[in-house]
Amino acid sequence: MQRVRARSAARTATAIENATLREVAQHGYAGLRIAAVARRARVAPRTVYLHAATKERLVQLALRRRADALAARVERWHPRADAPDAVLNEIVAFHERSYRQESALLETLVAGGVPPTCLAILRDLDRIRLGVIVRTLGDLARRGALRMRLADAVALAHALPAYPTWRTALTGPARRRAPRLVASALRSALL
């Protein structure tokens, strides 16, 4: 019986957090209403307040849980390929997948308008992403595959697929071609 209750509570928490992210993405933090979150999550407003006592805490919980899951995926990532050009292609493909899978989270963080306590989440994600880039490009540098200093290569590889840049690339004139163009730019500059 306790397992059933625990699963039900976990489903309710997930529904509330997903509804919160959708509402923030649609209306912004300033336009977020607890009643709208409750309606979208199909729970009573009181249930939302039991989950988080304030609107700020509700948004923070929703963003943090999603960000922690994304951070764990990013930290575990390693390129499968050995060829330097294939490794760069994998970096870009991984960033594209991450962005598409967590677009609601990333759009909410990048677009701003979230409580100041939530801005640390984007910095944490960026720090982890930078660590993966340093590790991957460091391996390429040790093999002599980079034609520029490692620090410069890391700076470029960090800037091109950064979440704000990525959003601009995917919504700008390049649209679906953006990942291919970013990968091409990285290969041209680094290898």
C-alpha atoms as a PDB file:
ATOM      1  CA  MET A   1       0.000   0.000   0.000  1.00  0.00           C
ATOM      2  CA  GLN A   2       2.836   2.404   0.840  1.00  0.00           C
ATOM      3  CA  ARG A   3       4.448   1.785  -2.550  1.00  0.00           C
ATOM      4  CA  VAL A   4       1.203   2.665  -4.295  1.00  0.00           C
ATOM      5  CA  ARG A   5       0.973   5.923  -2.339  1.00  0.00           C
ATOM      6  CA  ALA A   6       4.621   6.740  -3.037  1.00  0.00           C
ATOM      7  CA  ARG A   7       4.145   6.166  -6.778  1.00  0.00           C
ATOM      8  CA  SER A   8       0.994   8.255  -6.733  1.00  0.00           C
ATOM      9  CA  ALA A   9       2.758  11.075  -4.875  1.00  0.00           C
ATOM     10  CA  ALA A  10       5.662  10.928  -7.333  1.00  0.00           C
ATOM     11  CA  ARG A  11       3.259  11.070 -10.309  1.00  0.00           C
ATOM     12  CA  THR A  12       1.481  14.048  -8.750  1.00  0.00           C
ATOM     13  CA  ALA A  13       4.768  15.870  -8.119  1.00  0.00           C
ATOM     14  CA  THR A  14       5.884  15.206 -11.701  1.00  0.00           C
ATOM     15  CA  ALA A  15       2.539  16.404 -13.079  1.00  0.00           C
ATOM     16  CA  ILE A  16       2.752  19.608 -11.018  1.00  0.00           C
ATOM     17  CA  GLU A  17       6.337  20.282 -12.077  1.00  0.00           C
ATOM     18  CA  ASN A  18       5.610  19.590 -15.760  1.00  0.00           C
ATOM     19  CA  ALA A  19       2.558  21.843 -15.604  1.00  0.00           C
ATOM     20  CA  THR A  20       4.651  24.551 -13.937  1.00  0.00           C
ATOM     21  CA  LEU A  21       7.265  24.440 -16.696  1.00  0.00           C
ATOM     22  CA  ARG A  22       4.620  24.570 -19.416  1.00  0.00           C
ATOM     23  CA  GLU A  23       2.845  27.495 -17.763  1.00  0.00           C
ATOM     24  CA  VAL A  24       6.105  29.425 -17.278  1.00  0.00           C
ATOM     25  CA  ALA A  25       7.098  28.718 -20.889  1.00  0.00           C
ATOM     26  CA  GLN A  26       3.710  29.905 -22.115  1.00  0.00           C
ATOM     27  CA  HIS A  27       3.018  32.874 -19.812  1.00  0.00           C
ATOM     28  CA  GLY A  28       6.365  33.712 -18.193  1.00  0.00           C
ATOM     29  CA  TYR A  29       7.108  33.756 -14.508  1.00  0.00           C
ATOM     30  CA  ALA A  30       5.152  36.957 -13.949  1.00  0.00           C
ATOM     31  CA  GLY A  31       2.084  35.410 -15.602  1.00  0.00           C
ATOM     32  CA  LEU A  32       2.280  32.129 -13.708  1.00  0.00           C
ATOM     33  CA  ARG A  33      -0.853  31.378 -11.704  1.00  0.00           C
ATOM     34  CA  ILE A  34      -1.143  28.530  -9.203  1.00  0.00           C
ATOM     35  CA  ALA A  35      -4.732  27.868 -10.320  1.00  0.00           C
ATOM     36  CA  ALA A  36      -3.537  27.415 -13.918  1.00  0.00           C
ATOM     37  CA  VAL A  37      -0.809  25.001 -12.792  1.00  0.00           C
ATOM     38  CA  ALA A  38      -3.365  23.028 -10.784  1.00  0.00           C
ATOM     39  CA  ARG A  39      -5.772  22.918 -13.722  1.00  0.00           C
ATOM     40  CA  ARG A  40      -3.041  21.747 -16.109  1.00  0.00           C
ATOM     41  CA  ALA A  41      -1.779  19.136 -13.611  1.00  0.00           C
ATOM     42  CA  ARG A  42      -5.360  18.041 -12.881  1.00  0.00           C
ATOM     43  CA  VAL A  43      -5.011  18.541  -9.139  1.00  0.00           C
ATOM     44  CA  ALA A  44      -6.542  20.890  -6.597  1.00  0.00           C
ATOM     45  CA  PRO A  45      -4.763  24.226  -5.987  1.00  0.00           C
ATOM     46  CA  ARG A  46      -4.229  23.118  -2.387  1.00  0.00           C
ATOM     47  CA  THR A  47      -2.202  20.158  -3.662  1.00  0.00           C
ATOM     48  CA  VAL A  48       0.060  22.560  -5.561  1.00  0.00           C
ATOM     49  CA  TYR A  49       0.534  24.653  -2.410  1.00  0.00           C
ATOM     50  CA  LEU A  50       1.396  21.502  -0.453  1.00  0.00           C
ATOM     51  CA  HIS A  51       4.043  20.713  -3.059  1.00  0.00           C
ATOM     52  CA  ALA A  52       5.532  24.213  -2.859  1.00  0.00           C
ATOM     53  CA  ALA A  53       4.380  27.010  -0.589  1.00  0.00           C
ATOM     54  CA  THR A  54       5.320  29.858  -2.951  1.00  0.00           C
ATOM     55  CA  LYS A  55       5.343  30.471  -6.672  1.00  0.00           C
ATOM     56  CA  GLU A  56       9.105  31.017  -6.568  1.00  0.00           C
ATOM     57  CA  ARG A  57       9.685  27.702  -4.786  1.00  0.00           C
ATOM     58  CA  LEU A  58       7.367  25.915  -7.230  1.00  0.00           C
ATOM     59  CA  VAL A  59       9.354  27.159 -10.224  1.00  0.00           C
ATOM     60  CA  GLN A  60      12.661  26.455  -8.506  1.00  0.00           C
ATOM     61  CA  LEU A  61      11.675  22.846  -7.697  1.00  0.00           C
ATOM     62  CA  ALA A  62      10.445  22.191 -11.228  1.00  0.00           C
ATOM     63  CA  LEU A  63      13.532  23.673 -12.864  1.00  0.00           C
ATOM     64  CA  ARG A  64      15.991  22.054 -10.453  1.00  0.00           C
ATOM     65  CA  ARG A  65      14.612  18.520 -10.865  1.00  0.00           C
ATOM     66  CA  ARG A  66      14.648  18.799 -14.655  1.00  0.00           C
ATOM     67  CA  ALA A  67      18.100  20.399 -14.648  1.00  0.00           C
ATOM     68  CA  ASP A  68      19.538  17.703 -12.394  1.00  0.00           C
ATOM     69  CA  ALA A  69      18.348  14.996 -14.782  1.00  0.00           C
ATOM     70  CA  LEU A  70      19.852  16.869 -17.741  1.00  0.00           C
ATOM     71  CA  ALA A  71      23.108  17.473 -15.866  1.00  0.00           C
ATOM     72  CA  ALA A  72      23.428  13.760 -15.110  1.00  0.00           C
ATOM     73  CA  ARG A  73      22.992  12.911 -18.816  1.00  0.00           C
ATOM     74  CA  VAL A  74      25.525  15.555 -19.851  1.00  0.00           C
ATOM     75  CA  GLU A  75      28.104  14.387 -17.295  1.00  0.00           C
ATOM     76  CA  ARG A  76      27.828  10.763 -18.462  1.00  0.00           C
ATOM     77  CA  TRP A  77      28.306  11.615 -22.139  1.00  0.00           C
ATOM     78  CA  HIS A  78      31.428  10.374 -23.938  1.00  0.00           C
ATOM     79  CA  PRO A  79      32.013  10.322 -27.687  1.00  0.00           C
ATOM     80  CA  ARG A  80      31.788   6.888 -29.278  1.00  0.00           C
ATOM     81  CA  ALA A  81      33.881   7.759 -32.304  1.00  0.00           C
ATOM     82  CA  ASP A  82      37.653   7.989 -32.494  1.00  0.00           C
ATOM     83  CA  ALA A  83      38.021  10.159 -35.582  1.00  0.00           C
ATOM     84  CA  PRO A  84      38.326  13.854 -34.601  1.00  0.00           C
ATOM     85  CA  ASP A  85      35.704  15.068 -37.106  1.00  0.00           C
ATOM     86  CA  ALA A  86      33.253  12.412 -35.905  1.00  0.00           C
ATOM     87  CA  VAL A  87      33.883  13.444 -32.275  1.00  0.00           C
ATOM     88  CA  LEU A  88      32.978  17.063 -33.100  1.00  0.00           C
ATOM     89  CA  ASN A  89      29.872  15.871 -34.955  1.00  0.00           C
ATOM     90  CA  GLU A  90      28.885  13.880 -31.855  1.00  0.00           C
ATOM     91  CA  ILE A  91      29.343  16.920 -29.608  1.00  0.00           C
ATOM     92  CA  VAL A  92      26.974  18.933 -31.799  1.00  0.00           C
ATOM     93  CA  ALA A  93      24.475  16.056 -32.119  1.00  0.00           C
ATOM     94  CA  PHE A  94      24.461  15.583 -28.343  1.00  0.00           C
ATOM     95  CA  HIS A  95      23.818  19.291 -27.759  1.00  0.00           C
ATOM     96  CA  GLU A  96      21.016  19.234 -30.319  1.00  0.00           C
ATOM     97  CA  ARG A  97      19.352  16.221 -28.654  1.00  0.00           C
ATOM     98  CA  SER A  98      19.720  17.757 -25.199  1.00  0.00           C
ATOM     99  CA  TYR A  99      18.235  21.039 -26.372  1.00  0.00           C
ATOM    100  CA  ARG A 100      15.297  19.375 -28.099  1.00  0.00           C
ATOM    101  CA  GLN A 101      14.560  17.035 -25.176  1.00  0.00           C
ATOM    102  CA  GLU A 102      14.723  19.779 -22.566  1.00  0.00           C
ATOM    103  CA  SER A 103      13.618  22.785 -24.599  1.00  0.00           C
ATOM    104  CA  ALA A 104      10.981  23.847 -22.033  1.00  0.00           C
ATOM    105  CA  LEU A 105      13.579  23.878 -19.267  1.00  0.00           C
ATOM    106  CA  LEU A 106      16.277  25.589 -21.315  1.00  0.00           C
ATOM    107  CA  GLU A 107      13.925  28.138 -22.875  1.00  0.00           C
ATOM    108  CA  THR A 108      12.635  29.075 -19.435  1.00  0.00           C
ATOM    109  CA  LEU A 109      16.156  29.522 -18.083  1.00  0.00           C
ATOM    110  CA  VAL A 110      17.560  31.312 -21.137  1.00  0.00           C
ATOM    111  CA  ALA A 111      14.599  33.612 -21.759  1.00  0.00           C
ATOM    112  CA  GLY A 112      14.926  35.068 -18.282  1.00  0.00           C
ATOM    113  CA  GLY A 113      12.105  36.295 -16.145  1.00  0.00           C
ATOM    114  CA  VAL A 114      12.673  33.528 -13.595  1.00  0.00           C
ATOM    115  CA  PRO A 115      13.410  34.202  -9.934  1.00  0.00           C
ATOM    116  CA  PRO A 116      17.068  35.024  -9.205  1.00  0.00           C
ATOM    117  CA  THR A 117      17.424  31.774  -7.236  1.00  0.00           C
ATOM    118  CA  CYS A 118      16.835  29.887 -10.490  1.00  0.00           C
ATOM    119  CA  LEU A 119      19.640  31.559 -12.431  1.00  0.00           C
ATOM    120  CA  ALA A 120      22.199  29.388 -10.641  1.00  0.00           C
ATOM    121  CA  ILE A 121      20.652  26.385 -12.389  1.00  0.00           C
ATOM    122  CA  LEU A 122      21.736  27.662 -15.816  1.00  0.00           C
ATOM    123  CA  ARG A 123      25.232  28.385 -14.502  1.00  0.00           C
ATOM    124  CA  ASP A 124      25.444  24.844 -13.090  1.00  0.00           C
ATOM    125  CA  LEU A 125      24.355  23.325 -16.403  1.00  0.00           C
ATOM    126  CA  ASP A 126      26.843  25.467 -18.293  1.00  0.00           C
ATOM    127  CA  ARG A 127      29.680  24.498 -15.924  1.00  0.00           C
ATOM    128  CA  ILE A 128      28.953  20.799 -16.475  1.00  0.00           C
ATOM    129  CA  ARG A 129      28.706  21.268 -20.246  1.00  0.00           C
ATOM    130  CA  LEU A 130      32.033  23.107 -20.222  1.00  0.00           C
ATOM    131  CA  GLY A 131      33.630  20.232 -18.292  1.00  0.00           C
ATOM    132  CA  VAL A 132      32.515  17.748 -20.940  1.00  0.00           C
ATOM    133  CA  ILE A 133      33.878  19.979 -23.714  1.00  0.00           C
ATOM    134  CA  VAL A 134      37.227  20.391 -21.912  1.00  0.00           C
ATOM    135  CA  ARG A 135      37.496  16.637 -21.363  1.00  0.00           C
ATOM    136  CA  THR A 136      36.606  15.779 -24.971  1.00  0.00           C
ATOM    137  CA  LEU A 137      38.774  18.416 -26.629  1.00  0.00           C
ATOM    138  CA  GLY A 138      41.620  17.680 -24.207  1.00  0.00           C
ATOM    139  CA  ASP A 139      41.616  14.130 -25.518  1.00  0.00           C
ATOM    140  CA  LEU A 140      41.759  15.424 -29.098  1.00  0.00           C
ATOM    141  CA  ALA A 141      44.618  17.778 -28.162  1.00  0.00           C
ATOM    142  CA  ARG A 142      46.607  14.928 -26.579  1.00  0.00           C
ATOM    143  CA  ARG A 143      46.266  13.027 -29.850  1.00  0.00           C
ATOM    144  CA  GLY A 144      47.503  16.084 -31.778  1.00  0.00           C
ATOM    145  CA  ALA A 145      44.226  16.536 -33.670  1.00  0.00           C
ATOM    146  CA  LEU A 146      43.630  20.232 -32.878  1.00  0.00           C
ATOM    147  CA  ARG A 147      45.215  22.936 -34.986  1.00  0.00           C
ATOM    148  CA  MET A 148      44.810  25.646 -32.348  1.00  0.00           C
ATOM    149  CA  ARG A 149      45.555  25.994 -28.667  1.00  0.00           C
ATOM    150  CA  LEU A 150      43.309  23.899 -26.431  1.00  0.00           C
ATOM    151  CA  ALA A 151      42.055  26.999 -24.556  1.00  0.00           C
ATOM    152  CA  ASP A 152      40.944  28.627 -27.823  1.00  0.00           C
ATOM    153  CA  ALA A 153      39.356  25.405 -29.049  1.00  0.00           C
ATOM    154  CA  VAL A 154      37.427  25.046 -25.795  1.00  0.00           C
ATOM    155  CA  ALA A 155      36.251  28.665 -25.962  1.00  0.00           C
ATOM    156  CA  LEU A 156      34.929  28.191 -29.493  1.00  0.00           C
ATOM    157  CA  ALA A 157      33.362  24.794 -28.832  1.00  0.00           C
ATOM    158  CA  HIS A 158      31.750  26.204 -25.695  1.00  0.00           C
ATOM    159  CA  ALA A 159      30.328  29.277 -27.428  1.00  0.00           C
ATOM    160  CA  LEU A 160      28.871  27.745 -30.589  1.00  0.00           C
ATOM    161  CA  PRO A 161      26.544  25.163 -29.000  1.00  0.00           C
ATOM    162  CA  ALA A 162      25.765  27.279 -25.897  1.00  0.00           C
ATOM    163  CA  TYR A 163      22.050  27.246 -25.144  1.00  0.00           C
ATOM    164  CA  PRO A 164      21.314  30.913 -26.046  1.00  0.00           C
ATOM    165  CA  THR A 165      23.367  30.628 -29.254  1.00  0.00           C
ATOM    166  CA  TRP A 166      21.767  27.296 -30.072  1.00  0.00           C
ATOM    167  CA  ARG A 167      18.273  28.741 -29.675  1.00  0.00           C
ATOM    168  CA  THR A 168      19.166  31.606 -32.000  1.00  0.00           C
ATOM    169  CA  ALA A 169      20.615  29.195 -34.562  1.00  0.00           C
ATOM    170  CA  LEU A 170      17.579  26.881 -34.504  1.00  0.00           C
ATOM    171  CA  THR A 171      15.046  29.693 -34.726  1.00  0.00           C
ATOM    172  CA  GLY A 172      17.004  31.854 -37.187  1.00  0.00           C
ATOM    173  CA  PRO A 173      17.471  31.442 -40.929  1.00  0.00           C
ATOM    174  CA  ALA A 174      19.456  28.195 -40.574  1.00  0.00           C
ATOM    175  CA  ARG A 175      16.675  26.361 -38.699  1.00  0.00           C
ATOM    176  CA  ARG A 176      17.086  22.613 -39.356  1.00  0.00           C
ATOM    177  CA  ARG A 177      20.474  23.155 -40.993  1.00  0.00           C
ATOM    178  CA  ALA A 178      21.865  24.784 -37.829  1.00  0.00           C
ATOM    179  CA  PRO A 179      23.409  21.628 -36.299  1.00  0.00           C
ATOM    180  CA  ARG A 180      25.132  20.769 -39.586  1.00  0.00           C
ATOM    181  CA  LEU A 181      26.425  24.326 -39.956  1.00  0.00           C
ATOM    182  CA  VAL A 182      27.679  24.465 -36.347  1.00  0.00           C
ATOM    183  CA  ALA A 183      29.463  21.113 -36.776  1.00  0.00           C
ATOM    184  CA  SER A 184      31.017  22.323 -40.022  1.00  0.00           C
ATOM    185  CA  ALA A 185      32.223  25.543 -38.374  1.00  0.00           C
ATOM    186  CA  LEU A 186      33.779  23.596 -35.493  1.00  0.00           C
ATOM    187  CA  ARG A 187      35.514  21.147 -37.826  1.00  0.00           C
ATOM    188  CA  SER A 188      36.837  23.972 -40.029  1.00  0.00           C
ATOM    189  CA  ALA A 189      38.195  25.954 -37.103  1.00  0.00           C
ATOM    190  CA  LEU A 190      39.510  23.199 -34.856  1.00  0.00           C
ATOM    191  CA  LEU A 191      40.816  20.434 -37.136  1.00  0.00           C
END
